[in-house]
Amino acid sequence: MATMEECRSALDTLSDNLAGADGDVRGAASLDRSLSCHIKDLDVTFTGRLADGRIRVLDTLEGPPREKAEIRLAMTGDDLVAMVEGELNFAKAWGSGRVRLEAGFRDLLKLKSLL
C-alpha cells in the first residue's frame, strides 16, 4: 500500500508532467479550478488548485473532502502512484470504476484530453 508521502510525491510528479505538457494536454491543464484528491485506502484528502498548468497542493486532511472542489478525484494510493508512473491507464481505470473523477460538464470536456 502506497504511503501518504508516496501519494504526495506522485501528485508533485503529475504537476511537473502537466507543466511540461503541450498541445491539448496543456490546454486542459490551464484551467483554474479547486481540486481534491481523496486517497481511499489511507482515508486522506489532498486539496489544492489546478492553475497555470500545475497542481498546487495546499492542504492534507484526514477523511473525505470537507468541501466540494470543482474537480474531484478519488482512488487508492497504489492506483495514483501506478497512473503517474505510467503503469495504469487513467481512462481504463476511470471506466472500470477504480478511479472516480467528478467535475462540471465543461471541465470534463476539457479534461478528456488528459485521458
PDB file of N, CA and C in Angstrom:
ATOM      1  N   MET A   1       0.851  -1.178   0.000  1.00  0.00           N
ATOM      2  CA  MET A   1       0.000   0.000   0.000  1.00  0.00           C
ATOM      3  C   MET A   1       0.897   1.242   0.000  1.00  0.00           C
ATOM      4  N   ALA A   2       0.587   2.165  -0.901  1.00  0.00           N
ATOM      5  CA  ALA A   2       1.346   3.411  -1.001  1.00  0.00           C
ATOM      6  C   ALA A   2       1.168   4.246   0.257  1.00  0.00           C
ATOM      7  N   THR A   3       2.223   4.928   0.657  1.00  0.00           N
ATOM      8  CA  THR A   3       2.182   5.795   1.833  1.00  0.00           C
ATOM      9  C   THR A   3       1.680   7.186   1.442  1.00  0.00           C
ATOM     10  N   MET A   4       1.369   7.983   2.442  1.00  0.00           N
ATOM     11  CA  MET A   4       0.930   9.349   2.195  1.00  0.00           C
ATOM     12  C   MET A   4       2.045  10.137   1.490  1.00  0.00           C
ATOM     13  N   GLU A   5       3.292   9.898   1.877  1.00  0.00           N
ATOM     14  CA  GLU A   5       4.423  10.593   1.255  1.00  0.00           C
ATOM     15  C   GLU A   5       4.570  10.197  -0.219  1.00  0.00           C
ATOM     16  N   GLU A   6       4.353   8.919  -0.531  1.00  0.00           N
ATOM     17  CA  GLU A   6       4.421   8.472  -1.919  1.00  0.00           C
ATOM     18  C   GLU A   6       3.300   9.090  -2.746  1.00  0.00           C
ATOM     19  N   CYS A   7       2.123   9.218  -2.162  1.00  0.00           N
ATOM     20  CA  CYS A   7       0.997   9.841  -2.863  1.00  0.00           C
ATOM     21  C   CYS A   7       1.274  11.317  -3.106  1.00  0.00           C
ATOM     22  N   ARG A   8       1.797  11.999  -2.124  1.00  0.00           N
ATOM     23  CA  ARG A   8       2.125  13.427  -2.280  1.00  0.00           C
ATOM     24  C   ARG A   8       3.192  13.601  -3.358  1.00  0.00           C
ATOM     25  N   SER A   9       4.183  12.721  -3.356  1.00  0.00           N
ATOM     26  CA  SER A   9       5.230  12.772  -4.370  1.00  0.00           C
ATOM     27  C   SER A   9       4.644  12.516  -5.763  1.00  0.00           C
ATOM     28  N   ALA A  10       3.700  11.580  -5.861  1.00  0.00           N
ATOM     29  CA  ALA A  10       3.053  11.295  -7.142  1.00  0.00           C
ATOM     30  C   ALA A  10       2.286  12.525  -7.648  1.00  0.00           C
ATOM     31  N   LEU A  11       1.604  13.236  -6.756  1.00  0.00           N
ATOM     32  CA  LEU A  11       0.897  14.456  -7.165  1.00  0.00           C
ATOM     33  C   LEU A  11       1.881  15.527  -7.633  1.00  0.00           C
ATOM     34  N   ASP A  12       3.029  15.624  -6.965  1.00  0.00           N
ATOM     35  CA  ASP A  12       4.062  16.580  -7.394  1.00  0.00           C
ATOM     36  C   ASP A  12       4.590  16.214  -8.781  1.00  0.00           C
ATOM     37  N   THR A  13       4.814  14.927  -9.011  1.00  0.00           N
ATOM     38  CA  THR A  13       5.280  14.468 -10.321  1.00  0.00           C
ATOM     39  C   THR A  13       4.229  14.739 -11.391  1.00  0.00           C
ATOM     40  N   LEU A  14       2.962  14.475 -11.073  1.00  0.00           N
ATOM     41  CA  LEU A  14       1.881  14.771 -12.008  1.00  0.00           C
ATOM     42  C   LEU A  14       1.855  16.254 -12.335  1.00  0.00           C
ATOM     43  N   SER A  15       2.042  17.089 -11.349  1.00  0.00           N
ATOM     44  CA  SER A  15       2.078  18.533 -11.560  1.00  0.00           C
ATOM     45  C   SER A  15       3.216  18.903 -12.507  1.00  0.00           C
ATOM     46  N   ASP A  16       4.389  18.322 -12.285  1.00  0.00           N
ATOM     47  CA  ASP A  16       5.537  18.590 -13.160  1.00  0.00           C
ATOM     48  C   ASP A  16       5.244  18.136 -14.591  1.00  0.00           C
ATOM     49  N   ASN A  17       4.609  16.965 -14.732  1.00  0.00           N
ATOM     50  CA  ASN A  17       4.265  16.450 -16.059  1.00  0.00           C
ATOM     51  C   ASN A  17       3.291  17.379 -16.772  1.00  0.00           C
ATOM     52  N   LEU A  18       2.287  17.876 -16.044  1.00  0.00           N
ATOM     53  CA  LEU A  18       1.317  18.804 -16.647  1.00  0.00           C
ATOM     54  C   LEU A  18       1.994  20.102 -17.063  1.00  0.00           C
ATOM     55  N   ALA A  19       2.902  20.599 -16.229  1.00  0.00           N
ATOM     56  CA  ALA A  19       3.586  21.861 -16.516  1.00  0.00           C
ATOM     57  C   ALA A  19       4.447  21.747 -17.771  1.00  0.00           C
ATOM     58  N   GLY A  20       4.966  20.557 -18.047  1.00  0.00           N
ATOM     59  CA  GLY A  20       5.813  20.368 -19.212  1.00  0.00           C
ATOM     60  C   GLY A  20       5.064  19.916 -20.452  1.00  0.00           C
ATOM     61  N   ALA A  21       3.757  19.768 -20.360  1.00  0.00           N
ATOM     62  CA  ALA A  21       2.960  19.267 -21.483  1.00  0.00           C
ATOM     63  C   ALA A  21       2.723  20.375 -22.506  1.00  0.00           C
ATOM     64  N   ASP A  22       2.303  19.948 -23.694  1.00  0.00           N
ATOM     65  CA  ASP A  22       1.930  20.919 -24.717  1.00  0.00           C
ATOM     66  C   ASP A  22       0.668  20.435 -25.430  1.00  0.00           C
ATOM     67  N   GLY A  23       0.185  21.226 -26.358  1.00  0.00           N
ATOM     68  CA  GLY A  23      -0.999  20.858 -27.129  1.00  0.00           C
ATOM     69  C   GLY A  23      -2.262  20.799 -26.294  1.00  0.00           C
ATOM     70  N   ASP A  24      -3.097  19.772 -26.560  1.00  0.00           N
ATOM     71  CA  ASP A  24      -4.385  19.627 -25.880  1.00  0.00           C
ATOM     72  C   ASP A  24      -4.226  19.432 -24.380  1.00  0.00           C
ATOM     73  N   VAL A  25      -3.190  18.706 -23.991  1.00  0.00           N
ATOM     74  CA  VAL A  25      -2.965  18.466 -22.561  1.00  0.00           C
ATOM     75  C   VAL A  25      -2.664  19.785 -21.861  1.00  0.00           C
ATOM     76  N   ARG A  26      -1.854  20.612 -22.477  1.00  0.00           N
ATOM     77  CA  ARG A  26      -1.521  21.919 -21.893  1.00  0.00           C
ATOM     78  C   ARG A  26      -2.788  22.771 -21.751  1.00  0.00           C
ATOM     79  N   GLY A  27      -3.659  22.713 -22.743  1.00  0.00           N
ATOM     80  CA  GLY A  27      -4.911  23.466 -22.688  1.00  0.00           C
ATOM     81  C   GLY A  27      -5.805  23.006 -21.556  1.00  0.00           C
ATOM     82  N   ALA A  28      -5.892  21.695 -21.364  1.00  0.00           N
ATOM     83  CA  ALA A  28      -6.719  21.163 -20.272  1.00  0.00           C
ATOM     84  C   ALA A  28      -6.119  21.517 -18.926  1.00  0.00           C
ATOM     85  N   ALA A  29      -4.811  21.504 -18.838  1.00  0.00           N
ATOM     86  CA  ALA A  29      -4.152  21.794 -17.572  1.00  0.00           C
ATOM     87  C   ALA A  29      -4.174  23.280 -17.235  1.00  0.00           C
ATOM     88  N   SER A  30      -4.563  24.112 -18.193  1.00  0.00           N
ATOM     89  CA  SER A  30      -4.562  25.556 -17.949  1.00  0.00           C
ATOM     90  C   SER A  30      -5.804  26.040 -17.208  1.00  0.00           C
ATOM     91  N   LEU A  31      -6.705  25.126 -16.870  1.00  0.00           N
ATOM     92  CA  LEU A  31      -7.884  25.501 -16.084  1.00  0.00           C
ATOM     93  C   LEU A  31      -7.459  26.103 -14.749  1.00  0.00           C
ATOM     94  N   ASP A  32      -8.296  26.921 -14.181  1.00  0.00           N
ATOM     95  CA  ASP A  32      -8.076  27.432 -12.825  1.00  0.00           C
ATOM     96  C   ASP A  32      -9.255  26.945 -11.986  1.00  0.00           C
ATOM     97  N   ARG A  33      -9.045  25.827 -11.283  1.00  0.00           N
ATOM     98  CA  ARG A  33     -10.127  25.187 -10.537  1.00  0.00           C
ATOM     99  C   ARG A  33      -9.624  24.656  -9.200  1.00  0.00           C
ATOM    100  N   SER A  34     -10.518  24.627  -8.220  1.00  0.00           N
ATOM    101  CA  SER A  34     -10.193  23.942  -6.966  1.00  0.00           C
ATOM    102  C   SER A  34     -10.167  22.448  -7.253  1.00  0.00           C
ATOM    103  N   LEU A  35      -9.355  21.725  -6.490  1.00  0.00           N
ATOM    104  CA  LEU A  35      -9.114  20.315  -6.763  1.00  0.00           C
ATOM    105  C   LEU A  35      -9.008  19.555  -5.449  1.00  0.00           C
ATOM    106  N   SER A  36      -9.590  18.357  -5.417  1.00  0.00           N
ATOM    107  CA  SER A  36      -9.377  17.470  -4.274  1.00  0.00           C
ATOM    108  C   SER A  36      -9.068  16.075  -4.801  1.00  0.00           C
ATOM    109  N   CYS A  37      -8.214  15.379  -4.082  1.00  0.00           N
ATOM    110  CA  CYS A  37      -7.858  14.008  -4.420  1.00  0.00           C
ATOM    111  C   CYS A  37      -7.949  13.178  -3.146  1.00  0.00           C
ATOM    112  N   HIS A  38      -9.016  12.379  -3.051  1.00  0.00           N
ATOM    113  CA  HIS A  38      -9.225  11.542  -1.868  1.00  0.00           C
ATOM    114  C   HIS A  38      -8.551  10.198  -2.099  1.00  0.00           C
ATOM    115  N   ILE A  39      -7.627   9.852  -1.215  1.00  0.00           N
ATOM    116  CA  ILE A  39      -6.942   8.558  -1.272  1.00  0.00           C
ATOM    117  C   ILE A  39      -7.708   7.635  -0.340  1.00  0.00           C
ATOM    118  N   LYS A  40      -8.506   6.764  -0.950  1.00  0.00           N
ATOM    119  CA  LYS A  40      -9.487   5.984  -0.198  1.00  0.00           C
ATOM    120  C   LYS A  40      -8.862   5.040   0.823  1.00  0.00           C
ATOM    121  N   ASP A  41      -7.792   4.343   0.471  1.00  0.00           N
ATOM    122  CA  ASP A  41      -7.243   3.358   1.398  1.00  0.00           C
ATOM    123  C   ASP A  41      -6.516   4.003   2.579  1.00  0.00           C
ATOM    124  N   LEU A  42      -6.030   5.226   2.407  1.00  0.00           N
ATOM    125  CA  LEU A  42      -5.395   5.956   3.508  1.00  0.00           C
ATOM    126  C   LEU A  42      -6.388   6.863   4.226  1.00  0.00           C
ATOM    127  N   ASP A  43      -7.556   7.074   3.621  1.00  0.00           N
ATOM    128  CA  ASP A  43      -8.587   7.986   4.103  1.00  0.00           C
ATOM    129  C   ASP A  43      -8.025   9.377   4.388  1.00  0.00           C
ATOM    130  N   VAL A  44      -7.290   9.890   3.388  1.00  0.00           N
ATOM    131  CA  VAL A  44      -6.783  11.259   3.435  1.00  0.00           C
ATOM    132  C   VAL A  44      -7.181  11.950   2.136  1.00  0.00           C
ATOM    133  N   THR A  45      -7.276  13.263   2.192  1.00  0.00           N
ATOM    134  CA  THR A  45      -7.618  14.065   1.021  1.00  0.00           C
ATOM    135  C   THR A  45      -6.594  15.171   0.861  1.00  0.00           C
ATOM    136  N   PHE A  46      -6.027  15.247  -0.331  1.00  0.00           N
ATOM    137  CA  PHE A  46      -5.162  16.360  -0.699  1.00  0.00           C
ATOM    138  C   PHE A  46      -6.056  17.395  -1.364  1.00  0.00           C
ATOM    139  N   THR A  47      -5.975  18.632  -0.926  1.00  0.00           N
ATOM    140  CA  THR A  47      -6.774  19.697  -1.527  1.00  0.00           C
ATOM    141  C   THR A  47      -5.842  20.762  -2.065  1.00  0.00           C
ATOM    142  N   GLY A  48      -6.297  21.436  -3.111  1.00  0.00           N
ATOM    143  CA  GLY A  48      -5.480  22.489  -3.697  1.00  0.00           C
ATOM    144  C   GLY A  48      -6.139  23.083  -4.911  1.00  0.00           C
ATOM    145  N   ARG A  49      -5.291  23.504  -5.866  1.00  0.00           N
ATOM    146  CA  ARG A  49      -5.782  24.136  -7.092  1.00  0.00           C
ATOM    147  C   ARG A  49      -5.025  23.598  -8.285  1.00  0.00           C
ATOM    148  N   LEU A  50      -5.752  23.505  -9.380  1.00  0.00           N
ATOM    149  CA  LEU A  50      -5.161  23.302 -10.691  1.00  0.00           C
ATOM    150  C   LEU A  50      -5.145  24.688 -11.306  1.00  0.00           C
ATOM    151  N   ALA A  51      -3.968  25.259 -11.492  1.00  0.00           N
ATOM    152  CA  ALA A  51      -3.862  26.619 -12.022  1.00  0.00           C
ATOM    153  C   ALA A  51      -2.511  26.784 -12.716  1.00  0.00           C
ATOM    154  N   ASP A  52      -2.509  27.559 -13.776  1.00  0.00           N
ATOM    155  CA  ASP A  52      -1.283  27.841 -14.521  1.00  0.00           C
ATOM    156  C   ASP A  52      -0.566  26.565 -14.948  1.00  0.00           C
ATOM    157  N   GLY A  53      -1.332  25.527 -15.257  1.00  0.00           N
ATOM    158  CA  GLY A  53      -0.750  24.289 -15.731  1.00  0.00           C
ATOM    159  C   GLY A  53      -0.100  23.440 -14.661  1.00  0.00           C
ATOM    160  N   ARG A  54      -0.368  23.720 -13.400  1.00  0.00           N
ATOM    161  CA  ARG A  54       0.230  22.973 -12.299  1.00  0.00           C
ATOM    162  C   ARG A  54      -0.823  22.623 -11.259  1.00  0.00           C
ATOM    163  N   ILE A  55      -0.551  21.576 -10.510  1.00  0.00           N
ATOM    164  CA  ILE A  55      -1.370  21.227  -9.348  1.00  0.00           C
ATOM    165  C   ILE A  55      -0.633  21.755  -8.128  1.00  0.00           C
ATOM    166  N   ARG A  56      -1.298  22.585  -7.369  1.00  0.00           N
ATOM    167  CA  ARG A  56      -0.709  23.104  -6.129  1.00  0.00           C
ATOM    168  C   ARG A  56      -1.478  22.511  -4.960  1.00  0.00           C
ATOM    169  N   VAL A  57      -0.830  21.609  -4.226  1.00  0.00           N
ATOM    170  CA  VAL A  57      -1.452  21.017  -3.046  1.00  0.00           C
ATOM    171  C   VAL A  57      -1.315  22.019  -1.914  1.00  0.00           C
ATOM    172  N   LEU A  58      -2.445  22.409  -1.333  1.00  0.00           N
ATOM    173  CA  LEU A  58      -2.447  23.414  -0.269  1.00  0.00           C
ATOM    174  C   LEU A  58      -2.646  22.812   1.109  1.00  0.00           C
ATOM    175  N   ASP A  59      -3.293  21.633   1.181  1.00  0.00           N
ATOM    176  CA  ASP A  59      -3.583  21.051   2.482  1.00  0.00           C
ATOM    177  C   ASP A  59      -3.761  19.540   2.346  1.00  0.00           C
ATOM    178  N   THR A  60      -3.560  18.854   3.441  1.00  0.00           N
ATOM    179  CA  THR A  60      -3.809  17.421   3.535  1.00  0.00           C
ATOM    180  C   THR A  60      -4.713  17.217   4.741  1.00  0.00           C
ATOM    181  N   LEU A  61      -5.853  16.591   4.508  1.00  0.00           N
ATOM    182  CA  LEU A  61      -6.854  16.432   5.559  1.00  0.00           C
ATOM    183  C   LEU A  61      -7.152  14.954   5.780  1.00  0.00           C
ATOM    184  N   GLU A  62      -7.478  14.596   6.996  1.00  0.00           N
ATOM    185  CA  GLU A  62      -7.935  13.242   7.263  1.00  0.00           C
ATOM    186  C   GLU A  62      -9.378  13.119   6.803  1.00  0.00           C
ATOM    187  N   GLY A  63      -9.716  11.960   6.229  1.00  0.00           N
ATOM    188  CA  GLY A  63     -11.085  11.689   5.818  1.00  0.00           C
ATOM    189  C   GLY A  63     -11.388  12.200   4.428  1.00  0.00           C
ATOM    190  N   PRO A  64     -12.662  12.101   4.048  1.00  0.00           N
ATOM    191  CA  PRO A  64     -13.086  12.571   2.727  1.00  0.00           C
ATOM    192  C   PRO A  64     -13.044  14.092   2.660  1.00  0.00           C
ATOM    193  N   PRO A  65     -13.152  14.641   1.455  1.00  0.00           N
ATOM    194  CA  PRO A  65     -13.111  16.108   1.322  1.00  0.00           C
ATOM    195  C   PRO A  65     -14.212  16.770   2.139  1.00  0.00           C
ATOM    196  N   ARG A  66     -13.877  17.865   2.784  1.00  0.00           N
ATOM    197  CA  ARG A  66     -14.859  18.595   3.599  1.00  0.00           C
ATOM    198  C   ARG A  66     -15.674  19.564   2.764  1.00  0.00           C
ATOM    199  N   GLU A  67     -15.068  20.056   1.689  1.00  0.00           N
ATOM    200  CA  GLU A  67     -15.766  20.973   0.790  1.00  0.00           C
ATOM    201  C   GLU A  67     -15.753  20.371  -0.604  1.00  0.00           C
ATOM    202  N   LYS A  68     -16.724  20.733  -1.398  1.00  0.00           N
ATOM    203  CA  LYS A  68     -16.837  20.197  -2.751  1.00  0.00           C
ATOM    204  C   LYS A  68     -15.951  21.013  -3.697  1.00  0.00           C
ATOM    205  N   ALA A  69     -14.840  20.409  -4.111  1.00  0.00           N
ATOM    206  CA  ALA A  69     -13.946  21.064  -5.069  1.00  0.00           C
ATOM    207  C   ALA A  69     -14.562  21.014  -6.454  1.00  0.00           C
ATOM    208  N   GLU A  70     -14.109  21.885  -7.332  1.00  0.00           N
ATOM    209  CA  GLU A  70     -14.636  21.913  -8.697  1.00  0.00           C
ATOM    210  C   GLU A  70     -14.211  20.673  -9.491  1.00  0.00           C
ATOM    211  N   ILE A  71     -13.033  20.125  -9.182  1.00  0.00           N
ATOM    212  CA  ILE A  71     -12.567  18.872  -9.774  1.00  0.00           C
ATOM    213  C   ILE A  71     -12.253  17.935  -8.619  1.00  0.00           C
ATOM    214  N   ARG A  72     -12.902  16.763  -8.624  1.00  0.00           N
ATOM    215  CA  ARG A  72     -12.758  15.823  -7.514  1.00  0.00           C
ATOM    216  C   ARG A  72     -12.293  14.467  -8.025  1.00  0.00           C
ATOM    217  N   LEU A  73     -11.218  13.973  -7.430  1.00  0.00           N
ATOM    218  CA  LEU A  73     -10.685  12.656  -7.753  1.00  0.00           C
ATOM    219  C   LEU A  73     -10.761  11.783  -6.518  1.00  0.00           C
ATOM    220  N   ALA A  74     -10.948  10.493  -6.711  1.00  0.00           N
ATOM    221  CA  ALA A  74     -10.905   9.528  -5.607  1.00  0.00           C
ATOM    222  C   ALA A  74     -10.339   8.218  -6.159  1.00  0.00           C
ATOM    223  N   MET A  75      -9.396   7.637  -5.420  1.00  0.00           N
ATOM    224  CA  MET A  75      -8.741   6.403  -5.839  1.00  0.00           C
ATOM    225  C   MET A  75      -7.896   5.876  -4.685  1.00  0.00           C
ATOM    226  N   THR A  76      -7.308   4.706  -4.872  1.00  0.00           N
ATOM    227  CA  THR A  76      -6.368   4.207  -3.870  1.00  0.00           C
ATOM    228  C   THR A  76      -5.004   4.840  -4.113  1.00  0.00           C
ATOM    229  N   GLY A  77      -4.175   4.810  -3.103  1.00  0.00           N
ATOM    230  CA  GLY A  77      -2.827   5.336  -3.243  1.00  0.00           C
ATOM    231  C   GLY A  77      -2.018   4.569  -4.276  1.00  0.00           C
ATOM    232  N   ASP A  78      -2.176   3.246  -4.290  1.00  0.00           N
ATOM    233  CA  ASP A  78      -1.458   2.431  -5.273  1.00  0.00           C
ATOM    234  C   ASP A  78      -1.856   2.802  -6.697  1.00  0.00           C
ATOM    235  N   ASP A  79      -3.143   3.073  -6.917  1.00  0.00           N
ATOM    236  CA  ASP A  79      -3.592   3.456  -8.256  1.00  0.00           C
ATOM    237  C   ASP A  79      -3.043   4.819  -8.658  1.00  0.00           C
ATOM    238  N   LEU A  80      -2.988   5.762  -7.738  1.00  0.00           N
ATOM    239  CA  LEU A  80      -2.409   7.076  -8.037  1.00  0.00           C
ATOM    240  C   LEU A  80      -0.952   6.927  -8.458  1.00  0.00           C
ATOM    241  N   VAL A  81      -0.186   6.199  -7.668  1.00  0.00           N
ATOM    242  CA  VAL A  81       1.234   6.010  -7.971  1.00  0.00           C
ATOM    243  C   VAL A  81       1.401   5.290  -9.308  1.00  0.00           C
ATOM    244  N   ALA A  82       0.610   4.246  -9.541  1.00  0.00           N
ATOM    245  CA  ALA A  82       0.708   3.482 -10.791  1.00  0.00           C
ATOM    246  C   ALA A  82       0.362   4.341 -12.004  1.00  0.00           C
ATOM    247  N   MET A  83      -0.638   5.203 -11.891  1.00  0.00           N
ATOM    248  CA  MET A  83      -1.003   6.076 -13.012  1.00  0.00           C
ATOM    249  C   MET A  83       0.118   7.052 -13.330  1.00  0.00           C
ATOM    250  N   VAL A  84       0.673   7.667 -12.302  1.00  0.00           N
ATOM    251  CA  VAL A  84       1.727   8.650 -12.526  1.00  0.00           C
ATOM    252  C   VAL A  84       2.975   7.987 -13.102  1.00  0.00           C
ATOM    253  N   GLU A  85       3.238   6.747 -12.702  1.00  0.00           N
ATOM    254  CA  GLU A  85       4.402   6.024 -13.214  1.00  0.00           C
ATOM    255  C   GLU A  85       4.146   5.395 -14.586  1.00  0.00           C
ATOM    256  N   GLY A  86       2.917   5.550 -15.119  1.00  0.00           N
ATOM    257  CA  GLY A  86       2.598   5.032 -16.432  1.00  0.00           C
ATOM    258  C   GLY A  86       2.242   3.555 -16.456  1.00  0.00           C
ATOM    259  N   GLU A  87       2.011   2.971 -15.293  1.00  0.00           N
ATOM    260  CA  GLU A  87       1.685   1.553 -15.201  1.00  0.00           C
ATOM    261  C   GLU A  87       0.180   1.288 -15.238  1.00  0.00           C
ATOM    262  N   LEU A  88      -0.636   2.324 -15.069  1.00  0.00           N
ATOM    263  CA  LEU A  88      -2.089   2.192 -15.079  1.00  0.00           C
ATOM    264  C   LEU A  88      -2.654   3.291 -15.961  1.00  0.00           C
ATOM    265  N   ASN A  89      -3.446   2.900 -16.932  1.00  0.00           N
ATOM    266  CA  ASN A  89      -4.071   3.846 -17.847  1.00  0.00           C
ATOM    267  C   ASN A  89      -5.256   4.512 -17.160  1.00  0.00           C
ATOM    268  N   PHE A  90      -5.244   5.853 -17.133  1.00  0.00           N
ATOM    269  CA  PHE A  90      -6.298   6.590 -16.439  1.00  0.00           C
ATOM    270  C   PHE A  90      -7.674   6.294 -17.019  1.00  0.00           C
ATOM    271  N   ALA A  91      -7.792   6.317 -18.340  1.00  0.00           N
ATOM    272  CA  ALA A  91      -9.105   6.116 -18.967  1.00  0.00           C
ATOM    273  C   ALA A  91      -9.676   4.748 -18.609  1.00  0.00           C
ATOM    274  N   LYS A  92      -8.846   3.723 -18.640  1.00  0.00           N
ATOM    275  CA  LYS A  92      -9.317   2.379 -18.290  1.00  0.00           C
ATOM    276  C   LYS A  92      -9.687   2.300 -16.806  1.00  0.00           C
ATOM    277  N   ALA A  93      -8.869   2.909 -15.951  1.00  0.00           N
ATOM    278  CA  ALA A  93      -9.150   2.898 -14.511  1.00  0.00           C
ATOM    279  C   ALA A  93     -10.433   3.658 -14.213  1.00  0.00           C
ATOM    280  N   TRP A  94     -10.660   4.768 -14.900  1.00  0.00           N
ATOM    281  CA  TRP A  94     -11.877   5.558 -14.712  1.00  0.00           C
ATOM    282  C   TRP A  94     -13.085   4.772 -15.219  1.00  0.00           C
ATOM    283  N   GLY A  95     -12.948   4.177 -16.395  1.00  0.00           N
ATOM    284  CA  GLY A  95     -14.048   3.414 -16.975  1.00  0.00           C
ATOM    285  C   GLY A  95     -14.436   2.198 -16.143  1.00  0.00           C
ATOM    286  N   SER A  96     -13.469   1.606 -15.456  1.00  0.00           N
ATOM    287  CA  SER A  96     -13.751   0.419 -14.641  1.00  0.00           C
ATOM    288  C   SER A  96     -14.188   0.775 -13.220  1.00  0.00           C
ATOM    289  N   GLY A  97     -14.132   2.063 -12.864  1.00  0.00           N
ATOM    290  CA  GLY A  97     -14.544   2.487 -11.532  1.00  0.00           C
ATOM    291  C   GLY A  97     -13.433   2.492 -10.492  1.00  0.00           C
ATOM    292  N   ARG A  98     -12.226   2.152 -10.892  1.00  0.00           N
ATOM    293  CA  ARG A  98     -11.110   2.188  -9.938  1.00  0.00           C
ATOM    294  C   ARG A  98     -10.767   3.618  -9.552  1.00  0.00           C
ATOM    295  N   VAL A  99     -10.986   4.538 -10.474  1.00  0.00           N
ATOM    296  CA  VAL A  99     -10.733   5.962 -10.247  1.00  0.00           C
ATOM    297  C   VAL A  99     -12.037   6.699 -10.475  1.00  0.00           C
ATOM    298  N   ARG A 100     -12.347   7.611  -9.567  1.00  0.00           N
ATOM    299  CA  ARG A 100     -13.544   8.440  -9.733  1.00  0.00           C
ATOM    300  C   ARG A 100     -13.097   9.865 -10.039  1.00  0.00           C
ATOM    301  N   LEU A 101     -13.665  10.443 -11.086  1.00  0.00           N
ATOM    302  CA  LEU A 101     -13.417  11.824 -11.466  1.00  0.00           C
ATOM    303  C   LEU A 101     -14.767  12.500 -11.583  1.00  0.00           C
ATOM    304  N   GLU A 102     -14.941  13.569 -10.828  1.00  0.00           N
ATOM    305  CA  GLU A 102     -16.177  14.345 -10.886  1.00  0.00           C
ATOM    306  C   GLU A 102     -15.823  15.799 -11.129  1.00  0.00           C
ATOM    307  N   ALA A 103     -16.540  16.412 -12.050  1.00  0.00           N
ATOM    308  CA  ALA A 103     -16.339  17.822 -12.375  1.00  0.00           C
ATOM    309  C   ALA A 103     -17.556  18.285 -13.161  1.00  0.00           C
ATOM    310  N   GLY A 104     -17.633  19.572 -13.365  1.00  0.00           N
ATOM    311  CA  GLY A 104     -18.698  20.110 -14.199  1.00  0.00           C
ATOM    312  C   GLY A 104     -18.547  19.623 -15.633  1.00  0.00           C
ATOM    313  N   PHE A 105     -19.634  19.654 -16.381  1.00  0.00           N
ATOM    314  CA  PHE A 105     -19.641  19.132 -17.747  1.00  0.00           C
ATOM    315  C   PHE A 105     -18.576  19.784 -18.621  1.00  0.00           C
ATOM    316  N   ARG A 106     -18.474  21.091 -18.590  1.00  0.00           N
ATOM    317  CA  ARG A 106     -17.471  21.795 -19.413  1.00  0.00           C
ATOM    318  C   ARG A 106     -16.056  21.405 -19.013  1.00  0.00           C
ATOM    319  N   ASP A 107     -15.814  21.268 -17.721  1.00  0.00           N
ATOM    320  CA  ASP A 107     -14.483  20.848 -17.267  1.00  0.00           C
ATOM    321  C   ASP A 107     -14.177  19.427 -17.712  1.00  0.00           C
ATOM    322  N   LEU A 108     -15.172  18.536 -17.649  1.00  0.00           N
ATOM    323  CA  LEU A 108     -14.961  17.162 -18.110  1.00  0.00           C
ATOM    324  C   LEU A 108     -14.592  17.150 -19.597  1.00  0.00           C
ATOM    325  N   LEU A 109     -15.237  17.992 -20.388  1.00  0.00           N
ATOM    326  CA  LEU A 109     -14.912  18.061 -21.806  1.00  0.00           C
ATOM    327  C   LEU A 109     -13.459  18.503 -22.013  1.00  0.00           C
ATOM    328  N   LYS A 110     -13.023  19.479 -21.241  1.00  0.00           N
ATOM    329  CA  LYS A 110     -11.629  19.932 -21.350  1.00  0.00           C
ATOM    330  C   LYS A 110     -10.668  18.874 -20.833  1.00  0.00           C
ATOM    331  N   LEU A 111     -11.033  18.219 -19.728  1.00  0.00           N
ATOM    332  CA  LEU A 111     -10.143  17.239 -19.119  1.00  0.00           C
ATOM    333  C   LEU A 111     -10.031  15.953 -19.924  1.00  0.00           C
ATOM    334  N   LYS A 112     -10.942  15.716 -20.865  1.00  0.00           N
ATOM    335  CA  LYS A 112     -10.903  14.473 -21.641  1.00  0.00           C
ATOM    336  C   LYS A 112      -9.599  14.335 -22.412  1.00  0.00           C
ATOM    337  N   SER A 113      -8.949  15.435 -22.731  1.00  0.00           N
ATOM    338  CA  SER A 113      -7.668  15.349 -23.442  1.00  0.00           C
ATOM    339  C   SER A 113      -6.567  14.779 -22.554  1.00  0.00           C
ATOM    340  N   LEU A 114      -6.787  14.815 -21.238  1.00  0.00           N
ATOM    341  CA  LEU A 114      -5.805  14.209 -20.332  1.00  0.00           C
ATOM    342  C   LEU A 114      -5.955  12.694 -20.294  1.00  0.00           C
ATOM    343  N   LEU A 115      -7.082  12.196 -20.770  1.00  0.00           N
ATOM    344  CA  LEU A 115      -7.329  10.761 -20.770  1.00  0.00           C
ATOM    345  C   LEU A 115      -6.641  10.134 -21.949  1.00  0.00           C
TER     346      LEU A 115
END
